[in-house]
Amino acid sequence: MGYASKQQLLDEINKTAKLFINEFTDLSESEKDLLIDGVDRTPAQMIAYQLGWLKLVKSWDDDELAGKTPELPAPGYKWNRLGSLYQTFYDTYQDLPLSELIQSFNQQITIWNNWIESLNDDTLFIKDVRNWTKPYPESWTVARFIHINSVAPFKSFRSKIRKWKKLNNLV
């Protein structure tokens, strides 16, 4: 995860986001909530997870810029107990049809692109420019938080949805 530029980071986010979300375009509405043995989330939960983290990470920066102190990972949640946070993501999006989940994901990627474009290289790549990164190790810059909460899960969840499709005989 060593990005040489903002553009390289954006390119990787957009590439992996597209590969991830395109896996869902051939699923039917009746399949979106189907849990299959061997995969720990439904397709809808996979998208909800991404939406939850995308909104949450951006909110840390929004809060700081508004003069608030962001509470990481989220108010009332600790890093070592994220299961209940994930459940709030699933609950938030559970009633949306698959087409709206896909649309919401694509909209959130556009929001992230605009956010990242607005950040200068110092903010992205120098440790401690944002207060919300200060408690974390030296390598945890804003760009690292962005990567860990976009590119990395887009790749791992793309593998999950592909496994889900294979086990459901859709591949």
N, C-alpha and C. Protein backbone atom coordinates (compact mmCIF):
# COMPACT_ATOMS: atom_id res chain seq x y z
N MET A 1 0.83 -1.18 0.00
CA MET A 1 0.00 0.00 0.00
C MET A 1 0.87 1.24 0.00
N GLY A 2 1.74 1.38 -0.90
CA GLY A 2 2.54 2.59 -0.97
C GLY A 2 2.15 3.39 -2.20
N TYR A 3 1.35 4.40 -2.00
CA TYR A 3 0.92 5.21 -3.13
C TYR A 3 1.88 6.36 -3.33
N ALA A 4 2.26 6.57 -4.57
CA ALA A 4 3.19 7.65 -4.90
C ALA A 4 2.45 8.97 -5.13
N SER A 5 1.13 8.88 -5.36
CA SER A 5 0.39 10.10 -5.65
C SER A 5 -1.08 9.93 -5.32
N LYS A 6 -1.75 11.05 -5.21
CA LYS A 6 -3.20 11.06 -5.02
C LYS A 6 -3.88 10.35 -6.18
N GLN A 7 -3.43 10.60 -7.40
CA GLN A 7 -4.04 9.98 -8.57
C GLN A 7 -3.92 8.47 -8.52
N GLN A 8 -2.80 7.98 -8.08
CA GLN A 8 -2.61 6.53 -7.97
C GLN A 8 -3.60 5.94 -6.96
N LEU A 9 -3.80 6.62 -5.84
CA LEU A 9 -4.77 6.18 -4.84
C LEU A 9 -6.18 6.17 -5.42
N LEU A 10 -6.55 7.27 -6.09
CA LEU A 10 -7.88 7.35 -6.70
C LEU A 10 -8.08 6.27 -7.76
N ASP A 11 -7.08 6.04 -8.58
CA ASP A 11 -7.18 5.02 -9.62
C ASP A 11 -7.41 3.64 -9.00
N GLU A 12 -6.70 3.34 -7.93
CA GLU A 12 -6.85 2.03 -7.29
C GLU A 12 -8.23 1.90 -6.62
N ILE A 13 -8.70 2.95 -5.99
CA ILE A 13 -10.04 2.92 -5.39
C ILE A 13 -11.08 2.67 -6.47
N ASN A 14 -11.02 3.44 -7.54
CA ASN A 14 -12.04 3.32 -8.59
C ASN A 14 -11.98 1.97 -9.30
N LYS A 15 -10.80 1.48 -9.54
CA LYS A 15 -10.65 0.17 -10.19
C LYS A 15 -11.24 -0.93 -9.33
N THR A 16 -10.86 -0.98 -8.06
CA THR A 16 -11.33 -2.05 -7.18
C THR A 16 -12.81 -1.90 -6.85
N ALA A 17 -13.29 -0.66 -6.74
CA ALA A 17 -14.72 -0.43 -6.49
C ALA A 17 -15.55 -0.96 -7.65
N LYS A 18 -15.11 -0.68 -8.86
CA LYS A 18 -15.85 -1.13 -10.05
C LYS A 18 -15.85 -2.65 -10.14
N LEU A 19 -14.70 -3.27 -9.91
CA LEU A 19 -14.64 -4.74 -9.94
C LEU A 19 -15.56 -5.34 -8.88
N PHE A 20 -15.57 -4.75 -7.70
CA PHE A 20 -16.43 -5.24 -6.61
C PHE A 20 -17.90 -5.10 -6.98
N ILE A 21 -18.34 -3.91 -7.28
CA ILE A 21 -19.78 -3.66 -7.45
C ILE A 21 -20.33 -4.31 -8.71
N ASN A 22 -19.50 -4.49 -9.72
CA ASN A 22 -19.97 -5.15 -10.94
C ASN A 22 -20.33 -6.62 -10.71
N GLU A 23 -19.82 -7.20 -9.64
CA GLU A 23 -20.17 -8.59 -9.31
C GLU A 23 -21.65 -8.74 -8.96
N PHE A 24 -22.30 -7.64 -8.61
CA PHE A 24 -23.68 -7.71 -8.13
C PHE A 24 -24.71 -7.47 -9.23
N THR A 25 -24.28 -7.02 -10.40
CA THR A 25 -25.22 -6.62 -11.44
C THR A 25 -26.01 -7.79 -12.01
N ASP A 26 -25.50 -8.99 -11.90
CA ASP A 26 -26.22 -10.15 -12.45
C ASP A 26 -27.01 -10.91 -11.40
N LEU A 27 -27.10 -10.37 -10.18
CA LEU A 27 -27.89 -11.03 -9.13
C LEU A 27 -29.33 -10.55 -9.20
N SER A 28 -30.23 -11.43 -8.81
CA SER A 28 -31.65 -11.05 -8.77
C SER A 28 -31.97 -10.48 -7.39
N GLU A 29 -33.05 -9.75 -7.33
CA GLU A 29 -33.52 -9.18 -6.07
C GLU A 29 -33.76 -10.28 -5.04
N SER A 30 -34.26 -11.42 -5.47
CA SER A 30 -34.56 -12.52 -4.55
C SER A 30 -33.29 -13.16 -3.96
N GLU A 31 -32.14 -12.90 -4.57
CA GLU A 31 -30.88 -13.49 -4.08
C GLU A 31 -30.12 -12.59 -3.12
N LYS A 32 -30.45 -11.31 -3.05
CA LYS A 32 -29.63 -10.35 -2.32
C LYS A 32 -29.52 -10.64 -0.82
N ASP A 33 -30.52 -11.30 -0.24
CA ASP A 33 -30.52 -11.57 1.20
C ASP A 33 -30.27 -13.04 1.52
N LEU A 34 -29.78 -13.76 0.54
CA LEU A 34 -29.56 -15.20 0.71
C LEU A 34 -28.19 -15.45 1.35
N LEU A 35 -28.23 -16.09 2.52
CA LEU A 35 -27.00 -16.48 3.22
C LEU A 35 -26.68 -17.92 2.83
N ILE A 36 -25.47 -18.14 2.39
CA ILE A 36 -25.05 -19.46 1.92
C ILE A 36 -23.96 -19.99 2.83
N ASP A 37 -24.04 -21.27 3.19
CA ASP A 37 -22.99 -21.90 3.98
C ASP A 37 -21.65 -21.71 3.29
N GLY A 38 -20.66 -21.27 4.05
CA GLY A 38 -19.33 -21.05 3.50
C GLY A 38 -19.02 -19.59 3.24
N VAL A 39 -20.03 -18.72 3.32
CA VAL A 39 -19.83 -17.28 3.15
C VAL A 39 -20.56 -16.59 4.30
N ASP A 40 -19.88 -15.70 4.98
CA ASP A 40 -20.41 -15.14 6.23
C ASP A 40 -21.37 -13.97 6.07
N ARG A 41 -21.63 -13.53 4.85
CA ARG A 41 -22.55 -12.41 4.63
C ARG A 41 -23.39 -12.66 3.39
N THR A 42 -24.55 -12.03 3.37
CA THR A 42 -25.38 -12.04 2.18
C THR A 42 -24.83 -11.00 1.20
N PRO A 43 -25.22 -11.05 -0.05
CA PRO A 43 -24.78 -10.00 -0.97
C PRO A 43 -25.17 -8.60 -0.49
N ALA A 44 -26.37 -8.43 0.01
CA ALA A 44 -26.79 -7.11 0.52
C ALA A 44 -25.92 -6.66 1.69
N GLN A 45 -25.57 -7.58 2.56
CA GLN A 45 -24.70 -7.24 3.70
C GLN A 45 -23.30 -6.85 3.23
N MET A 46 -22.83 -7.46 2.16
CA MET A 46 -21.51 -7.12 1.64
C MET A 46 -21.48 -5.66 1.17
N ILE A 47 -22.54 -5.25 0.48
CA ILE A 47 -22.60 -3.86 0.03
C ILE A 47 -22.82 -2.93 1.21
N ALA A 48 -23.70 -3.31 2.14
CA ALA A 48 -23.97 -2.48 3.32
C ALA A 48 -22.70 -2.26 4.13
N TYR A 49 -21.87 -3.28 4.26
CA TYR A 49 -20.59 -3.16 4.96
C TYR A 49 -19.74 -2.07 4.32
N GLN A 50 -19.65 -2.10 2.99
CA GLN A 50 -18.84 -1.11 2.28
C GLN A 50 -19.42 0.29 2.48
N LEU A 51 -20.73 0.42 2.34
CA LEU A 51 -21.37 1.72 2.52
C LEU A 51 -21.14 2.26 3.93
N GLY A 52 -21.28 1.40 4.91
CA GLY A 52 -21.08 1.82 6.29
C GLY A 52 -19.69 2.37 6.52
N TRP A 53 -18.66 1.65 6.07
CA TRP A 53 -17.29 2.10 6.28
C TRP A 53 -16.96 3.34 5.45
N LEU A 54 -17.44 3.40 4.22
CA LEU A 54 -17.16 4.58 3.40
C LEU A 54 -17.71 5.84 4.07
N LYS A 55 -18.93 5.77 4.55
CA LYS A 55 -19.53 6.93 5.20
C LYS A 55 -18.83 7.24 6.52
N LEU A 56 -18.49 6.20 7.26
CA LEU A 56 -17.87 6.40 8.57
C LEU A 56 -16.50 7.07 8.46
N VAL A 57 -15.65 6.57 7.59
CA VAL A 57 -14.30 7.14 7.46
C VAL A 57 -14.38 8.60 7.03
N LYS A 58 -15.22 8.90 6.06
CA LYS A 58 -15.34 10.29 5.64
C LYS A 58 -15.89 11.16 6.78
N SER A 59 -16.76 10.60 7.61
CA SER A 59 -17.32 11.38 8.72
C SER A 59 -16.24 11.78 9.73
N TRP A 60 -15.18 10.98 9.86
CA TRP A 60 -14.10 11.35 10.78
C TRP A 60 -13.47 12.66 10.33
N ASP A 61 -13.22 12.76 9.04
CA ASP A 61 -12.61 13.97 8.52
C ASP A 61 -13.60 15.14 8.55
N ASP A 62 -14.85 14.87 8.19
CA ASP A 62 -15.87 15.92 8.24
C ASP A 62 -16.02 16.47 9.66
N ASP A 63 -16.03 15.58 10.65
CA ASP A 63 -16.16 16.02 12.05
C ASP A 63 -14.99 16.90 12.45
N GLU A 64 -13.78 16.46 12.12
CA GLU A 64 -12.61 17.26 12.50
C GLU A 64 -12.65 18.64 11.85
N LEU A 65 -13.00 18.69 10.58
CA LEU A 65 -13.06 19.97 9.88
C LEU A 65 -14.16 20.88 10.43
N ALA A 66 -15.18 20.27 11.07
CA ALA A 66 -16.27 21.04 11.68
C ALA A 66 -15.95 21.43 13.13
N GLY A 67 -14.72 21.11 13.57
CA GLY A 67 -14.31 21.48 14.92
C GLY A 67 -14.69 20.46 15.99
N LYS A 68 -15.20 19.32 15.58
CA LYS A 68 -15.56 18.25 16.52
C LYS A 68 -14.40 17.27 16.64
N THR A 69 -14.42 16.48 17.69
CA THR A 69 -13.43 15.42 17.86
C THR A 69 -14.07 14.11 17.43
N PRO A 70 -13.62 13.53 16.32
CA PRO A 70 -14.20 12.26 15.87
C PRO A 70 -13.92 11.16 16.88
N GLU A 71 -14.90 10.30 17.07
CA GLU A 71 -14.75 9.16 17.95
C GLU A 71 -14.62 7.92 17.08
N LEU A 72 -13.43 7.32 17.08
CA LEU A 72 -13.15 6.18 16.21
C LEU A 72 -13.28 4.88 16.98
N PRO A 73 -13.89 3.87 16.39
CA PRO A 73 -14.38 3.84 15.03
C PRO A 73 -15.72 4.58 14.87
N ALA A 74 -16.55 4.55 15.91
CA ALA A 74 -17.83 5.27 15.89
C ALA A 74 -18.27 5.46 17.34
N PRO A 75 -19.07 6.46 17.62
CA PRO A 75 -19.52 6.66 19.00
C PRO A 75 -20.16 5.39 19.57
N GLY A 76 -19.64 4.97 20.72
CA GLY A 76 -20.18 3.79 21.39
C GLY A 76 -19.57 2.47 20.96
N TYR A 77 -18.63 2.50 20.03
CA TYR A 77 -18.02 1.27 19.53
C TYR A 77 -16.52 1.29 19.74
N LYS A 78 -15.96 0.12 19.97
CA LYS A 78 -14.51 -0.05 20.14
C LYS A 78 -13.98 -0.91 19.00
N TRP A 79 -12.71 -0.71 18.69
CA TRP A 79 -12.08 -1.45 17.59
C TRP A 79 -12.13 -2.97 17.80
N ASN A 80 -12.10 -3.41 19.04
CA ASN A 80 -12.07 -4.85 19.29
C ASN A 80 -13.47 -5.47 19.36
N ARG A 81 -14.50 -4.68 19.10
CA ARG A 81 -15.89 -5.18 19.13
C ARG A 81 -16.69 -4.57 17.97
N LEU A 82 -16.30 -4.92 16.77
CA LEU A 82 -16.90 -4.30 15.60
C LEU A 82 -18.15 -5.01 15.08
N GLY A 83 -18.43 -6.21 15.56
CA GLY A 83 -19.58 -6.96 15.07
C GLY A 83 -20.89 -6.19 15.20
N SER A 84 -21.09 -5.52 16.33
CA SER A 84 -22.34 -4.77 16.51
C SER A 84 -22.36 -3.52 15.61
N LEU A 85 -21.21 -2.95 15.31
CA LEU A 85 -21.15 -1.84 14.36
C LEU A 85 -21.56 -2.33 12.97
N TYR A 86 -21.03 -3.47 12.57
CA TYR A 86 -21.40 -4.03 11.27
C TYR A 86 -22.91 -4.26 11.21
N GLN A 87 -23.49 -4.73 12.32
CA GLN A 87 -24.93 -4.97 12.34
C GLN A 87 -25.71 -3.68 12.09
N THR A 88 -25.19 -2.55 12.59
CA THR A 88 -25.88 -1.28 12.30
C THR A 88 -25.82 -0.96 10.81
N PHE A 89 -24.72 -1.31 10.16
CA PHE A 89 -24.62 -1.11 8.71
C PHE A 89 -25.70 -1.94 8.00
N TYR A 90 -25.80 -3.22 8.38
CA TYR A 90 -26.77 -4.11 7.75
C TYR A 90 -28.20 -3.60 7.99
N ASP A 91 -28.48 -3.20 9.23
CA ASP A 91 -29.82 -2.71 9.57
C ASP A 91 -30.16 -1.44 8.78
N THR A 92 -29.19 -0.56 8.61
CA THR A 92 -29.42 0.70 7.90
C THR A 92 -29.87 0.46 6.46
N TYR A 93 -29.31 -0.53 5.82
CA TYR A 93 -29.55 -0.74 4.39
C TYR A 93 -30.43 -1.94 4.06
N GLN A 94 -30.94 -2.63 5.06
CA GLN A 94 -31.64 -3.90 4.83
C GLN A 94 -32.89 -3.79 3.95
N ASP A 95 -33.54 -2.66 3.97
CA ASP A 95 -34.79 -2.53 3.21
C ASP A 95 -34.60 -2.02 1.78
N LEU A 96 -33.36 -1.70 1.42
CA LEU A 96 -33.12 -1.20 0.06
C LEU A 96 -33.06 -2.34 -0.95
N PRO A 97 -33.68 -2.15 -2.10
CA PRO A 97 -33.51 -3.15 -3.16
C PRO A 97 -32.07 -3.15 -3.66
N LEU A 98 -31.69 -4.24 -4.28
CA LEU A 98 -30.32 -4.39 -4.77
C LEU A 98 -29.91 -3.24 -5.68
N SER A 99 -30.80 -2.81 -6.56
CA SER A 99 -30.46 -1.73 -7.48
C SER A 99 -30.12 -0.44 -6.71
N GLU A 100 -30.82 -0.17 -5.63
CA GLU A 100 -30.53 1.02 -4.83
C GLU A 100 -29.25 0.87 -4.03
N LEU A 101 -28.95 -0.34 -3.58
CA LEU A 101 -27.67 -0.57 -2.90
C LEU A 101 -26.52 -0.29 -3.85
N ILE A 102 -26.63 -0.79 -5.06
CA ILE A 102 -25.59 -0.56 -6.07
C ILE A 102 -25.47 0.93 -6.38
N GLN A 103 -26.60 1.58 -6.55
CA GLN A 103 -26.60 3.02 -6.82
C GLN A 103 -25.99 3.80 -5.65
N SER A 104 -26.34 3.43 -4.43
CA SER A 104 -25.79 4.10 -3.24
C SER A 104 -24.28 3.92 -3.16
N PHE A 105 -23.82 2.72 -3.48
CA PHE A 105 -22.39 2.45 -3.47
C PHE A 105 -21.68 3.35 -4.49
N ASN A 106 -22.21 3.40 -5.69
CA ASN A 106 -21.58 4.23 -6.73
C ASN A 106 -21.60 5.71 -6.35
N GLN A 107 -22.68 6.16 -5.73
CA GLN A 107 -22.74 7.55 -5.26
C GLN A 107 -21.70 7.81 -4.18
N GLN A 108 -21.52 6.85 -3.28
CA GLN A 108 -20.54 7.03 -2.21
C GLN A 108 -19.12 7.06 -2.77
N ILE A 109 -18.85 6.30 -3.81
CA ILE A 109 -17.54 6.35 -4.46
C ILE A 109 -17.31 7.72 -5.07
N THR A 110 -18.33 8.29 -5.67
CA THR A 110 -18.21 9.66 -6.21
C THR A 110 -17.92 10.65 -5.08
N ILE A 111 -18.60 10.51 -3.97
CA ILE A 111 -18.34 11.38 -2.81
C ILE A 111 -16.89 11.21 -2.34
N TRP A 112 -16.42 9.98 -2.28
CA TRP A 112 -15.03 9.75 -1.87
C TRP A 112 -14.05 10.35 -2.86
N ASN A 113 -14.32 10.19 -4.14
CA ASN A 113 -13.44 10.80 -5.15
C ASN A 113 -13.35 12.30 -4.92
N ASN A 114 -14.48 12.95 -4.72
CA ASN A 114 -14.49 14.40 -4.49
C ASN A 114 -13.76 14.76 -3.21
N TRP A 115 -13.96 13.98 -2.17
CA TRP A 115 -13.28 14.22 -0.89
C TRP A 115 -11.76 14.10 -1.07
N ILE A 116 -11.33 13.01 -1.67
CA ILE A 116 -9.89 12.78 -1.84
C ILE A 116 -9.28 13.85 -2.74
N GLU A 117 -9.99 14.21 -3.79
CA GLU A 117 -9.51 15.29 -4.66
C GLU A 117 -9.31 16.59 -3.89
N SER A 118 -10.13 16.82 -2.87
CA SER A 118 -10.05 18.06 -2.10
C SER A 118 -8.88 18.09 -1.13
N LEU A 119 -8.29 16.94 -0.86
CA LEU A 119 -7.18 16.86 0.10
C LEU A 119 -5.85 17.09 -0.60
N ASN A 120 -4.97 17.82 0.06
CA ASN A 120 -3.64 18.00 -0.52
C ASN A 120 -2.75 16.81 -0.15
N ASP A 121 -1.60 16.73 -0.80
CA ASP A 121 -0.70 15.59 -0.58
C ASP A 121 -0.24 15.50 0.87
N ASP A 122 0.00 16.62 1.52
CA ASP A 122 0.42 16.58 2.93
C ASP A 122 -0.66 15.92 3.78
N THR A 123 -1.90 16.31 3.58
CA THR A 123 -2.99 15.73 4.35
C THR A 123 -3.09 14.23 4.10
N LEU A 124 -2.93 13.81 2.88
CA LEU A 124 -3.04 12.40 2.54
C LEU A 124 -1.87 11.56 3.03
N PHE A 125 -0.67 12.06 2.87
CA PHE A 125 0.50 11.19 3.00
C PHE A 125 1.42 11.48 4.18
N ILE A 126 1.17 12.54 4.94
CA ILE A 126 2.01 12.84 6.11
C ILE A 126 1.23 12.51 7.37
N LYS A 127 1.84 11.76 8.23
CA LYS A 127 1.23 11.34 9.49
C LYS A 127 0.90 12.54 10.36
N ASP A 128 -0.24 12.47 11.02
CA ASP A 128 -0.68 13.43 12.04
C ASP A 128 -1.13 14.79 11.51
N VAL A 129 -1.33 14.92 10.21
CA VAL A 129 -1.88 16.18 9.70
C VAL A 129 -3.33 16.32 10.17
N ARG A 130 -4.04 15.19 10.25
CA ARG A 130 -5.38 15.18 10.83
C ARG A 130 -5.28 14.57 12.23
N ASN A 131 -5.94 15.19 13.17
CA ASN A 131 -5.89 14.72 14.56
C ASN A 131 -6.43 13.30 14.72
N TRP A 132 -7.41 12.93 13.91
CA TRP A 132 -8.01 11.61 14.08
C TRP A 132 -7.05 10.47 13.72
N THR A 133 -5.92 10.77 13.09
CA THR A 133 -4.93 9.72 12.80
C THR A 133 -3.85 9.62 13.87
N LYS A 134 -3.77 10.59 14.77
CA LYS A 134 -2.65 10.67 15.72
C LYS A 134 -2.51 9.48 16.67
N PRO A 135 -3.58 8.89 17.17
CA PRO A 135 -3.38 7.78 18.11
C PRO A 135 -2.85 6.50 17.46
N TYR A 136 -2.74 6.47 16.16
CA TYR A 136 -2.42 5.24 15.46
C TYR A 136 -0.95 5.21 15.04
N PRO A 137 -0.44 4.03 14.67
CA PRO A 137 0.99 3.89 14.35
C PRO A 137 1.45 4.84 13.23
N GLU A 138 2.76 5.00 13.16
CA GLU A 138 3.41 5.92 12.21
C GLU A 138 2.91 5.77 10.78
N SER A 139 2.67 4.55 10.36
CA SER A 139 2.29 4.32 8.96
C SER A 139 0.84 4.68 8.66
N TRP A 140 0.07 5.02 9.69
CA TRP A 140 -1.36 5.25 9.50
C TRP A 140 -1.66 6.70 9.17
N THR A 141 -1.44 7.04 7.92
CA THR A 141 -1.78 8.36 7.39
C THR A 141 -3.24 8.34 6.95
N VAL A 142 -3.76 9.48 6.54
CA VAL A 142 -5.12 9.53 5.98
C VAL A 142 -5.20 8.58 4.78
N ALA A 143 -4.19 8.58 3.92
CA ALA A 143 -4.20 7.69 2.75
C ALA A 143 -4.28 6.22 3.18
N ARG A 144 -3.61 5.87 4.26
CA ARG A 144 -3.67 4.48 4.73
C ARG A 144 -5.07 4.14 5.23
N PHE A 145 -5.68 5.03 6.00
CA PHE A 145 -7.06 4.80 6.43
C PHE A 145 -7.98 4.66 5.23
N ILE A 146 -7.78 5.48 4.24
CA ILE A 146 -8.60 5.40 3.02
C ILE A 146 -8.42 4.05 2.35
N HIS A 147 -7.18 3.63 2.19
CA HIS A 147 -6.89 2.34 1.54
C HIS A 147 -7.52 1.18 2.33
N ILE A 148 -7.28 1.15 3.63
CA ILE A 148 -7.73 0.05 4.48
C ILE A 148 -9.26 -0.06 4.48
N ASN A 149 -9.94 1.04 4.21
CA ASN A 149 -11.40 1.04 4.26
C ASN A 149 -12.05 1.15 2.88
N SER A 150 -11.27 0.97 1.84
CA SER A 150 -11.83 0.96 0.49
C SER A 150 -11.16 -0.13 -0.34
N VAL A 151 -9.98 0.11 -0.81
CA VAL A 151 -9.31 -0.85 -1.70
C VAL A 151 -9.23 -2.24 -1.08
N ALA A 152 -8.75 -2.32 0.15
CA ALA A 152 -8.58 -3.63 0.79
C ALA A 152 -9.90 -4.41 0.91
N PRO A 153 -10.96 -3.82 1.47
CA PRO A 153 -12.20 -4.59 1.55
C PRO A 153 -12.89 -4.79 0.18
N PHE A 154 -12.69 -3.87 -0.75
CA PHE A 154 -13.27 -4.10 -2.07
C PHE A 154 -12.69 -5.39 -2.66
N LYS A 155 -11.40 -5.59 -2.48
CA LYS A 155 -10.75 -6.80 -2.99
C LYS A 155 -11.22 -8.04 -2.23
N SER A 156 -11.21 -7.98 -0.91
CA SER A 156 -11.58 -9.17 -0.14
C SER A 156 -13.06 -9.50 -0.29
N PHE A 157 -13.91 -8.49 -0.38
CA PHE A 157 -15.33 -8.76 -0.54
C PHE A 157 -15.67 -9.16 -1.98
N ARG A 158 -14.86 -8.77 -2.92
CA ARG A 158 -15.07 -9.28 -4.28
C ARG A 158 -14.84 -10.79 -4.28
N SER A 159 -13.83 -11.24 -3.55
CA SER A 159 -13.59 -12.68 -3.42
C SER A 159 -14.78 -13.36 -2.74
N LYS A 160 -15.34 -12.70 -1.71
CA LYS A 160 -16.50 -13.27 -1.01
C LYS A 160 -17.71 -13.41 -1.93
N ILE A 161 -18.01 -12.37 -2.69
CA ILE A 161 -19.20 -12.46 -3.54
C ILE A 161 -18.98 -13.46 -4.67
N ARG A 162 -17.76 -13.59 -5.13
CA ARG A 162 -17.47 -14.59 -6.16
C ARG A 162 -17.63 -16.00 -5.58
N LYS A 163 -17.17 -16.20 -4.35
CA LYS A 163 -17.36 -17.49 -3.69
C LYS A 163 -18.85 -17.76 -3.48
N TRP A 164 -19.59 -16.73 -3.04
CA TRP A 164 -21.03 -16.85 -2.83
C TRP A 164 -21.70 -17.29 -4.14
N LYS A 165 -21.33 -16.66 -5.25
CA LYS A 165 -21.92 -16.99 -6.55
C LYS A 165 -21.56 -18.43 -6.97
N LYS A 166 -20.34 -18.81 -6.71
CA LYS A 166 -19.91 -20.18 -7.08
C LYS A 166 -20.68 -21.21 -6.27
N LEU A 167 -20.80 -20.98 -4.96
CA LEU A 167 -21.54 -21.91 -4.11
C LEU A 167 -23.03 -21.92 -4.44
N ASN A 168 -23.52 -20.86 -5.02
CA ASN A 168 -24.93 -20.76 -5.41
C ASN A 168 -25.11 -21.14 -6.88
N ASN A 169 -24.07 -21.71 -7.47
CA ASN A 169 -24.08 -22.16 -8.87
C ASN A 169 -24.44 -21.03 -9.85
N LEU A 170 -23.92 -19.84 -9.60
CA LEU A 170 -24.17 -18.70 -10.49
C LEU A 170 -22.96 -18.36 -11.35
N VAL A 171 -21.88 -19.10 -11.18
CA VAL A 171 -20.67 -18.84 -11.97
C VAL A 171 -20.42 -19.99 -12.91
